[in-house]
C-alpha atoms as a PDB file:
ATOM      1  CA  MET A   1     -45.274 -12.677  -3.424  1.00  0.00           C
ATOM      2  CA  LYS A   2     -48.622 -13.684  -4.925  1.00  0.00           C
ATOM      3  CA  ASN A   3     -49.950 -10.125  -4.581  1.00  0.00           C
ATOM      4  CA  LYS A   4     -46.953  -8.618  -6.381  1.00  0.00           C
ATOM      5  CA  ASP A   5     -47.714  -6.106  -9.125  1.00  0.00           C
ATOM      6  CA  PRO A   6     -46.921  -7.629 -12.562  1.00  0.00           C
ATOM      7  CA  GLU A   7     -46.050  -4.150 -13.848  1.00  0.00           C
ATOM      8  CA  TYR A   8     -43.491  -3.541 -11.076  1.00  0.00           C
ATOM      9  CA  ILE A   9     -40.364  -4.224 -13.168  1.00  0.00           C
ATOM     10  CA  PRO A  10     -41.412  -2.081 -16.158  1.00  0.00           C
ATOM     11  CA  LYS A  11     -42.374   0.731 -13.772  1.00  0.00           C
ATOM     12  CA  LEU A  12     -39.028   0.418 -11.993  1.00  0.00           C
ATOM     13  CA  GLU A  13     -37.127   0.487 -15.290  1.00  0.00           C
ATOM     14  CA  LYS A  14     -39.069   3.536 -16.398  1.00  0.00           C
ATOM     15  CA  ALA A  15     -38.281   5.354 -13.131  1.00  0.00           C
ATOM     16  CA  ILE A  16     -34.578   4.473 -13.422  1.00  0.00           C
ATOM     17  CA  ALA A  17     -34.487   5.643 -17.043  1.00  0.00           C
ATOM     18  CA  GLN A  18     -36.091   8.942 -16.089  1.00  0.00           C
ATOM     19  CA  LYS A  19     -33.674   9.524 -13.237  1.00  0.00           C
ATOM     20  CA  TYR A  20     -30.392   8.269 -14.753  1.00  0.00           C
ATOM     21  CA  GLY A  21     -31.014   8.177 -18.521  1.00  0.00           C
ATOM     22  CA  ALA A  22     -32.175   5.565 -21.003  1.00  0.00           C
ATOM     23  CA  GLU A  23     -28.726   3.945 -21.311  1.00  0.00           C
ATOM     24  CA  THR A  24     -28.920   2.653 -17.728  1.00  0.00           C
ATOM     25  CA  ILE A  25     -31.653   0.144 -18.556  1.00  0.00           C
ATOM     26  CA  ASP A  26     -30.191  -1.018 -21.890  1.00  0.00           C
ATOM     27  CA  ASN A  27     -28.476  -4.378 -22.178  1.00  0.00           C
ATOM     28  CA  PRO A  28     -24.678  -3.865 -22.224  1.00  0.00           C
ATOM     29  CA  ARG A  29     -24.384  -6.207 -25.236  1.00  0.00           C
ATOM     30  CA  LYS A  30     -26.206  -3.601 -27.280  1.00  0.00           C
ATOM     31  CA  PHE A  31     -23.118  -1.340 -27.193  1.00  0.00           C
ATOM     32  CA  TRP A  32     -20.472  -4.060 -27.613  1.00  0.00           C
ATOM     33  CA  THR A  33     -18.917  -4.291 -31.079  1.00  0.00           C
ATOM     34  CA  GLU A  34     -16.259  -6.403 -32.763  1.00  0.00           C
ATOM     35  CA  LYS A  35     -13.857  -3.448 -32.614  1.00  0.00           C
ATOM     36  CA  LYS A  36     -14.370  -3.082 -28.845  1.00  0.00           C
ATOM     37  CA  GLU A  37     -13.841  -6.823 -28.472  1.00  0.00           C
ATOM     38  CA  GLU A  38     -10.501  -6.614 -30.316  1.00  0.00           C
ATOM     39  CA  GLU A  39      -9.400  -3.649 -28.182  1.00  0.00           C
ATOM     40  CA  TYR A  40     -10.329  -5.529 -25.012  1.00  0.00           C
ATOM     41  CA  VAL A  41      -8.376  -8.617 -26.086  1.00  0.00           C
ATOM     42  CA  GLN A  42      -5.319  -6.477 -26.919  1.00  0.00           C
ATOM     43  CA  GLN A  43      -5.500  -4.728 -23.534  1.00  0.00           C
ATOM     44  CA  SER A  44      -5.801  -8.100 -21.776  1.00  0.00           C
ATOM     45  CA  LYS A  45      -2.727  -9.408 -23.602  1.00  0.00           C
ATOM     46  CA  LEU A  46      -0.701  -6.292 -22.727  1.00  0.00           C
ATOM     47  CA  LEU A  47      -1.704  -6.561 -19.078  1.00  0.00           C
ATOM     48  CA  ALA A  48      -0.721 -10.243 -18.981  1.00  0.00           C
ATOM     49  CA  GLN A  49       2.675  -9.392 -20.526  1.00  0.00           C
ATOM     50  CA  LYS A  50       3.301  -6.669 -17.942  1.00  0.00           C
ATOM     51  CA  ILE A  51       2.387  -9.006 -15.110  1.00  0.00           C
ATOM     52  CA  ARG A  52       4.700 -11.750 -16.434  1.00  0.00           C
ATOM     53  CA  LYS A  53       7.520  -9.222 -16.900  1.00  0.00           C
ATOM     54  CA  ASN A  54       7.164  -7.935 -13.330  1.00  0.00           C
ATOM     55  CA  GLU A  55       7.111 -11.464 -11.923  1.00  0.00           C
ATOM     56  CA  THR A  56      10.292 -12.507 -13.710  1.00  0.00           C
ATOM     57  CA  GLN A  57      12.061  -9.160 -13.420  1.00  0.00           C
ATOM     58  CA  GLY A  58      12.415  -9.181  -9.648  1.00  0.00           C
ATOM     59  CA  GLU A  59      15.661 -10.866  -8.707  1.00  0.00           C
ATOM     60  CA  LYS A  60      15.188 -13.406  -5.930  1.00  0.00           C
ATOM     61  CA  ILE A  61      17.729 -14.093  -3.202  1.00  0.00           C
ATOM     62  CA  GLU A  62      17.681 -17.112  -0.923  1.00  0.00           C
ATOM     63  CA  LEU A  63      17.728 -16.060   2.710  1.00  0.00           C
ATOM     64  CA  ASP A  64      17.262 -18.596   5.505  1.00  0.00           C
ATOM     65  CA  GLY A  65      15.662 -21.063   3.104  1.00  0.00           C
ATOM     66  CA  PHE A  66      13.231 -18.552   1.595  1.00  0.00           C
ATOM     67  CA  LEU A  67      13.319 -16.756  -1.753  1.00  0.00           C
ATOM     68  CA  ILE A  68      12.993 -13.024  -1.163  1.00  0.00           C
ATOM     69  CA  ASN A  69      12.822 -10.245  -3.737  1.00  0.00           C
ATOM     70  CA  LYS A  70      16.084  -8.288  -3.755  1.00  0.00           C
ATOM     71  CA  LYS A  71      14.184  -4.985  -3.697  1.00  0.00           C
ATOM     72  CA  LEU A  72      12.853  -5.832  -0.247  1.00  0.00           C
ATOM     73  CA  LEU A  73      16.350  -6.274   1.138  1.00  0.00           C
ATOM     74  CA  SER A  74      17.833  -3.087  -0.282  1.00  0.00           C
ATOM     75  CA  LYS A  75      16.070  -0.782   2.156  1.00  0.00           C
ATOM     76  CA  ASP A  76      18.490   0.750   4.624  1.00  0.00           C
ATOM     77  CA  THR A  77      16.768   1.018   7.955  1.00  0.00           C
ATOM     78  CA  ASN A  78      18.752   1.287  11.136  1.00  0.00           C
ATOM     79  CA  ARG A  79      16.613   0.383  14.131  1.00  0.00           C
ATOM     80  CA  ILE A  80      19.472   0.109  16.641  1.00  0.00           C
ATOM     81  CA  CYS A  81      19.499   2.808  19.304  1.00  0.00           C
ATOM     82  CA  SER A  82      22.803   4.705  19.357  1.00  0.00           C
ATOM     83  CA  VAL A  83      22.643   5.088  23.153  1.00  0.00           C
ATOM     84  CA  CYS A  84      21.408   1.794  24.618  1.00  0.00           C
ATOM     85  CA  GLU A  85      22.280  -0.268  21.499  1.00  0.00           C
ATOM     86  CA  ASN A  86      19.000  -2.196  21.652  1.00  0.00           C
ATOM     87  CA  TYR A  87      17.098  -3.096  18.500  1.00  0.00           C
ATOM     88  CA  SER A  88      13.747  -1.316  18.435  1.00  0.00           C
ATOM     89  CA  PHE A  89      10.648  -3.228  17.367  1.00  0.00           C
ATOM     90  CA  ASP A  90       8.318  -0.446  18.514  1.00  0.00           C
ATOM     91  CA  MET A  91       6.776   1.524  15.646  1.00  0.00           C
ATOM     92  CA  ARG A  92       6.495   4.582  17.924  1.00  0.00           C
ATOM     93  CA  ASP A  93      10.297   4.788  17.933  1.00  0.00           C
ATOM     94  CA  GLY A  94      10.363   5.643  14.222  1.00  0.00           C
ATOM     95  CA  LEU A  95      10.286   9.404  14.757  1.00  0.00           C
ATOM     96  CA  TYR A  96      13.075   9.327  17.329  1.00  0.00           C
ATOM     97  CA  MET A  97      15.147   6.915  15.221  1.00  0.00           C
ATOM     98  CA  ASN A  98      14.930   9.193  12.187  1.00  0.00           C
ATOM     99  CA  LYS A  99      15.666  12.435  14.002  1.00  0.00           C
ATOM    100  CA  PHE A 100      18.000  11.462  16.854  1.00  0.00           C
ATOM    101  CA  SER A 101      19.022   7.805  16.167  1.00  0.00           C
ATOM    102  CA  THR A 102      17.650   6.776  19.555  1.00  0.00           C
ATOM    103  CA  CYS A 103      14.708   4.838  20.879  1.00  0.00           C
ATOM    104  CA  ARG A 104      11.825   6.613  22.580  1.00  0.00           C
ATOM    105  CA  MET A 105      12.990   5.709  26.087  1.00  0.00           C
ATOM    106  CA  CYS A 106      16.506   7.112  25.512  1.00  0.00           C
ATOM    107  CA  TYR A 107      14.976  10.232  23.985  1.00  0.00           C
ATOM    108  CA  VAL A 108      12.907  10.801  27.121  1.00  0.00           C
ATOM    109  CA  GLN A 109      15.850  10.119  29.434  1.00  0.00           C
ATOM    110  CA  TRP A 110      18.682  11.918  27.605  1.00  0.00           C
ATOM    111  CA  ILE A 111      17.398  14.279  24.916  1.00  0.00           C
ATOM    112  CA  GLU A 112      13.982  15.684  25.806  1.00  0.00           C
ATOM    113  CA  GLY A 113      14.416  19.343  26.698  1.00  0.00           C
ATOM    114  CA  ARG A 114      18.114  19.207  25.705  1.00  0.00           C
ATOM    115  CA  GLU A 115      17.838  18.881  21.913  1.00  0.00           C
ATOM    116  CA  LYS A 116      20.321  21.719  21.301  1.00  0.00           C
ATOM    117  CA  ARG A 117      22.991  20.025  23.402  1.00  0.00           C
ATOM    118  CA  TRP A 118      22.336  16.721  21.597  1.00  0.00           C
ATOM    119  CA  LYS A 119      22.639  18.374  18.181  1.00  0.00           C
ATOM    120  CA  ASN A 120      25.955  19.928  19.251  1.00  0.00           C
ATOM    121  CA  GLY A 121      27.362  16.422  19.759  1.00  0.00           C
ATOM    122  CA  TRP A 122      26.894  15.608  23.452  1.00  0.00           C
ATOM    123  CA  ARG A 123      26.291  11.911  24.167  1.00  0.00           C
ATOM    124  CA  PRO A 124      25.992  10.092  27.500  1.00  0.00           C
ATOM    125  CA  HIS A 125      28.915   7.987  28.672  1.00  0.00           C
ATOM    126  CA  LYS A 126      28.628   4.228  28.383  1.00  0.00           C
ATOM    127  CA  GLU A 127      28.623   3.929  32.190  1.00  0.00           C
ATOM    128  CA  GLU A 128      25.523   6.089  32.444  1.00  0.00           C
END
């Protein structure tokens, strides 16, 4: 560090100014005015109001000792297979649940290659 060029920083600033423009090396305070300060304070207040409104707006419901936003509970998702009646935790079953109301394993066993028959209303018997 002892052999460092004392003109390094001014040379660097000059190169940056040439490449990106003179404003890049100016102090940001140079462009800050009282009007910009007032606008910034107003924007900060509006943002804080929106945040407070969103926090209080969501209705909370107690479920198993926890407060949960009501919006989270309003989603209707049926993850129970219509054939084997098992609840599906597997994310890969999502496609089959949406299209055929079955899990992936029941799709492979009962529907794959026979989609037309399934759409016409055929379902396997409970004994099967």
